[in-house]
Amino acid sequence: MPESPAVPAARSTGSELSAEDSKLVILARGARGRVGAVEGAAVRDQDGRTYAAASVSLPSLTITALQLAVASAAAAGATRLEAAVVVTEASTLDGAGYAAVRDLAADAPVHVAGPDGTVLGTVTE
């Protein structure tokens, strides 16, 4: 499978996150921190259920945190996502994770936060 291009740095929305989206930041930071992963991610589905994941890099499997969080939601029966968060040190949002979110939601905001939880911006397109 060819590597997906990175989505440009998140665009700032200039507004505060909702309480529910702030919870996603906390979950994503926790997932990243528990295993010392490069990235952590969390998503919220149409029923308000949340799924958190960390990036995985094994000899036979590499998956981004956002891809894994979306896969967990889909495996649990989610048909739509309301929002997503990625906690990363990168200055871009990975294209593969972004594409996975878009598979379940054309308009869900994808918030990008630094390791300290500071939201750097949001991609909505």
C-alpha atoms as a PDB file:
ATOM      1  CA  MET A   1       0.000   0.000   0.000  1.00  0.00           C
ATOM      2  CA  PRO A   2       1.538   3.360  -0.955  1.00  0.00           C
ATOM      3  CA  GLU A   3       2.145   5.805   1.828  1.00  0.00           C
ATOM      4  CA  SER A   4      -0.503   8.518   2.087  1.00  0.00           C
ATOM      5  CA  PRO A   5       0.659  12.103   1.783  1.00  0.00           C
ATOM      6  CA  ALA A   6       0.665  14.180   4.939  1.00  0.00           C
ATOM      7  CA  VAL A   7      -2.174  16.616   5.401  1.00  0.00           C
ATOM      8  CA  PRO A   8      -0.846  20.168   5.814  1.00  0.00           C
ATOM      9  CA  ALA A   9      -0.462  21.539   9.302  1.00  0.00           C
ATOM     10  CA  ALA A  10      -3.773  21.947  11.027  1.00  0.00           C
ATOM     11  CA  ARG A  11      -5.570  25.222  10.577  1.00  0.00           C
ATOM     12  CA  SER A  12      -6.309  27.067  13.774  1.00  0.00           C
ATOM     13  CA  THR A  13      -9.968  27.600  14.545  1.00  0.00           C
ATOM     14  CA  GLY A  14      -9.367  30.341  17.059  1.00  0.00           C
ATOM     15  CA  SER A  15     -11.953  28.901  19.422  1.00  0.00           C
ATOM     16  CA  GLU A  16     -11.863  26.745  22.523  1.00  0.00           C
ATOM     17  CA  LEU A  17     -12.629  23.060  22.302  1.00  0.00           C
ATOM     18  CA  SER A  18     -15.913  21.759  23.617  1.00  0.00           C
ATOM     19  CA  ALA A  19     -15.794  19.736  26.838  1.00  0.00           C
ATOM     20  CA  GLU A  20     -16.303  16.536  24.821  1.00  0.00           C
ATOM     21  CA  ASP A  21     -13.433  17.349  22.443  1.00  0.00           C
ATOM     22  CA  SER A  22     -11.213  18.296  25.407  1.00  0.00           C
ATOM     23  CA  LYS A  23     -11.906  14.823  26.789  1.00  0.00           C
ATOM     24  CA  LEU A  24     -10.572  13.365  23.530  1.00  0.00           C
ATOM     25  CA  VAL A  25      -7.318  15.282  24.033  1.00  0.00           C
ATOM     26  CA  ILE A  26      -6.953  13.764  27.507  1.00  0.00           C
ATOM     27  CA  LEU A  27      -7.654  10.261  26.196  1.00  0.00           C
ATOM     28  CA  ALA A  28      -5.189  10.645  23.319  1.00  0.00           C
ATOM     29  CA  ARG A  29      -2.462  11.948  25.632  1.00  0.00           C
ATOM     30  CA  GLY A  30      -3.068   9.022  27.976  1.00  0.00           C
ATOM     31  CA  ALA A  31      -2.880   6.445  25.195  1.00  0.00           C
ATOM     32  CA  ARG A  32       0.389   7.960  23.951  1.00  0.00           C
ATOM     33  CA  GLY A  33       1.900   8.244  27.410  1.00  0.00           C
ATOM     34  CA  ARG A  34       1.028   4.744  28.623  1.00  0.00           C
ATOM     35  CA  VAL A  35       3.284   3.091  26.069  1.00  0.00           C
ATOM     36  CA  GLY A  36       5.621   5.949  25.163  1.00  0.00           C
ATOM     37  CA  ALA A  37       4.291   5.990  21.598  1.00  0.00           C
ATOM     38  CA  VAL A  38       5.062   8.564  18.957  1.00  0.00           C
ATOM     39  CA  GLU A  39       1.390   9.481  18.684  1.00  0.00           C
ATOM     40  CA  GLY A  40      -1.852   9.042  20.549  1.00  0.00           C
ATOM     41  CA  ALA A  41      -5.336   9.521  19.161  1.00  0.00           C
ATOM     42  CA  ALA A  42      -8.943   9.388  20.243  1.00  0.00           C
ATOM     43  CA  VAL A  43     -12.235   9.505  18.368  1.00  0.00           C
ATOM     44  CA  ARG A  44     -15.873   9.895  19.400  1.00  0.00           C
ATOM     45  CA  ASP A  45     -18.623   8.065  17.507  1.00  0.00           C
ATOM     46  CA  GLN A  46     -22.239   8.935  16.770  1.00  0.00           C
ATOM     47  CA  ASP A  47     -23.359   7.533  20.125  1.00  0.00           C
ATOM     48  CA  GLY A  48     -20.778   9.441  22.164  1.00  0.00           C
ATOM     49  CA  ARG A  49     -18.578   6.393  22.714  1.00  0.00           C
ATOM     50  CA  THR A  50     -14.841   7.105  22.682  1.00  0.00           C
ATOM     51  CA  TYR A  51     -11.926   5.051  21.420  1.00  0.00           C
ATOM     52  CA  ALA A  52      -8.280   5.812  22.156  1.00  0.00           C
ATOM     53  CA  ALA A  53      -5.158   4.303  20.638  1.00  0.00           C
ATOM     54  CA  ALA A  54      -1.418   4.728  20.290  1.00  0.00           C
ATOM     55  CA  SER A  55       0.700   4.310  17.190  1.00  0.00           C
ATOM     56  CA  VAL A  56       2.075   0.810  16.623  1.00  0.00           C
ATOM     57  CA  SER A  57       5.347   0.009  14.914  1.00  0.00           C
ATOM     58  CA  LEU A  58       6.173  -3.682  14.689  1.00  0.00           C
ATOM     59  CA  PRO A  59       8.247  -5.545  12.124  1.00  0.00           C
ATOM     60  CA  SER A  60       5.065  -6.869  10.517  1.00  0.00           C
ATOM     61  CA  LEU A  61       2.625  -4.031  11.286  1.00  0.00           C
ATOM     62  CA  THR A  62       2.771  -0.266  11.283  1.00  0.00           C
ATOM     63  CA  ILE A  63      -0.386   1.711  11.993  1.00  0.00           C
ATOM     64  CA  THR A  64      -0.917   5.281  13.072  1.00  0.00           C
ATOM     65  CA  ALA A  65      -2.720   6.089  16.284  1.00  0.00           C
ATOM     66  CA  LEU A  66      -5.559   7.714  14.383  1.00  0.00           C
ATOM     67  CA  GLN A  67      -5.972   4.723  12.054  1.00  0.00           C
ATOM     68  CA  LEU A  68      -6.117   2.398  15.063  1.00  0.00           C
ATOM     69  CA  ALA A  69      -8.630   4.558  16.926  1.00  0.00           C
ATOM     70  CA  VAL A  70     -10.869   4.683  13.838  1.00  0.00           C
ATOM     71  CA  ALA A  71     -10.474   0.924  13.320  1.00  0.00           C
ATOM     72  CA  SER A  72     -11.464   0.299  16.947  1.00  0.00           C
ATOM     73  CA  ALA A  73     -14.563   2.449  16.501  1.00  0.00           C
ATOM     74  CA  ALA A  74     -15.515   0.692  13.264  1.00  0.00           C
ATOM     75  CA  ALA A  75     -14.932  -2.739  14.834  1.00  0.00           C
ATOM     76  CA  ALA A  76     -17.301  -1.759  17.654  1.00  0.00           C
ATOM     77  CA  GLY A  77     -20.021  -0.865  15.162  1.00  0.00           C
ATOM     78  CA  ALA A  78     -19.558   2.882  14.764  1.00  0.00           C
ATOM     79  CA  THR A  79     -20.973   4.186  11.510  1.00  0.00           C
ATOM     80  CA  ARG A  80     -20.089   7.849  11.980  1.00  0.00           C
ATOM     81  CA  LEU A  81     -17.500   9.883  13.852  1.00  0.00           C
ATOM     82  CA  GLU A  82     -18.247  13.194  15.524  1.00  0.00           C
ATOM     83  CA  ALA A  83     -14.650  14.271  16.238  1.00  0.00           C
ATOM     84  CA  ALA A  84     -11.058  13.094  16.390  1.00  0.00           C
ATOM     85  CA  VAL A  85      -7.860  14.189  18.130  1.00  0.00           C
ATOM     86  CA  VAL A  86      -4.230  13.349  17.426  1.00  0.00           C
ATOM     87  CA  VAL A  87      -1.510  14.133  19.959  1.00  0.00           C
ATOM     88  CA  THR A  88       1.825  14.302  18.179  1.00  0.00           C
ATOM     89  CA  GLU A  89       5.152  16.070  17.956  1.00  0.00           C
ATOM     90  CA  ALA A  90       4.789  16.275  14.164  1.00  0.00           C
ATOM     91  CA  SER A  91       3.852  19.476  12.407  1.00  0.00           C
ATOM     92  CA  THR A  92       1.506  17.659  10.022  1.00  0.00           C
ATOM     93  CA  LEU A  93      -1.443  15.332  10.307  1.00  0.00           C
ATOM     94  CA  ASP A  94      -0.680  11.979   8.695  1.00  0.00           C
ATOM     95  CA  GLY A  95      -2.629  11.379   5.509  1.00  0.00           C
ATOM     96  CA  ALA A  96      -3.533   7.771   6.293  1.00  0.00           C
ATOM     97  CA  GLY A  97      -5.127   8.637   9.636  1.00  0.00           C
ATOM     98  CA  TYR A  98      -6.936  11.593   8.139  1.00  0.00           C
ATOM     99  CA  ALA A  99      -8.291   9.380   5.349  1.00  0.00           C
ATOM    100  CA  ALA A 100      -9.527   6.841   7.911  1.00  0.00           C
ATOM    101  CA  VAL A 101     -11.496   9.555   9.723  1.00  0.00           C
ATOM    102  CA  ARG A 102     -12.970  10.731   6.430  1.00  0.00           C
ATOM    103  CA  ASP A 103     -14.142   7.174   5.702  1.00  0.00           C
ATOM    104  CA  LEU A 104     -16.614   7.575   8.576  1.00  0.00           C
ATOM    105  CA  ALA A 105     -17.181  11.338   8.576  1.00  0.00           C
ATOM    106  CA  ALA A 106     -16.885  13.893   5.831  1.00  0.00           C
ATOM    107  CA  ASP A 107     -17.054  16.823   8.225  1.00  0.00           C
ATOM    108  CA  ALA A 108     -15.803  15.705  11.651  1.00  0.00           C
ATOM    109  CA  PRO A 109     -13.156  18.041  13.042  1.00  0.00           C
ATOM    110  CA  VAL A 110      -9.699  16.531  13.474  1.00  0.00           C
ATOM    111  CA  HIS A 111      -7.886  18.415  16.225  1.00  0.00           C
ATOM    112  CA  VAL A 112      -4.093  18.244  16.339  1.00  0.00           C
ATOM    113  CA  ALA A 113      -2.444  18.749  19.720  1.00  0.00           C
ATOM    114  CA  GLY A 114       1.108  18.782  20.964  1.00  0.00           C
ATOM    115  CA  PRO A 115       2.354  16.354  23.629  1.00  0.00           C
ATOM    116  CA  ASP A 116       1.399  18.845  26.366  1.00  0.00           C
ATOM    117  CA  GLY A 117      -2.207  18.874  25.152  1.00  0.00           C
ATOM    118  CA  THR A 118      -2.068  22.312  23.559  1.00  0.00           C
ATOM    119  CA  VAL A 119      -4.311  22.274  20.501  1.00  0.00           C
ATOM    120  CA  LEU A 120      -2.297  23.438  17.519  1.00  0.00           C
ATOM    121  CA  GLY A 121      -5.190  23.558  15.113  1.00  0.00           C
ATOM    122  CA  THR A 122      -8.116  21.783  13.569  1.00  0.00           C
ATOM    123  CA  VAL A 123      -8.717  20.309  10.125  1.00  0.00           C
ATOM    124  CA  THR A 124     -12.373  20.286   9.087  1.00  0.00           C
ATOM    125  CA  GLU A 125     -12.230  19.705   5.314  1.00  0.00           C
END
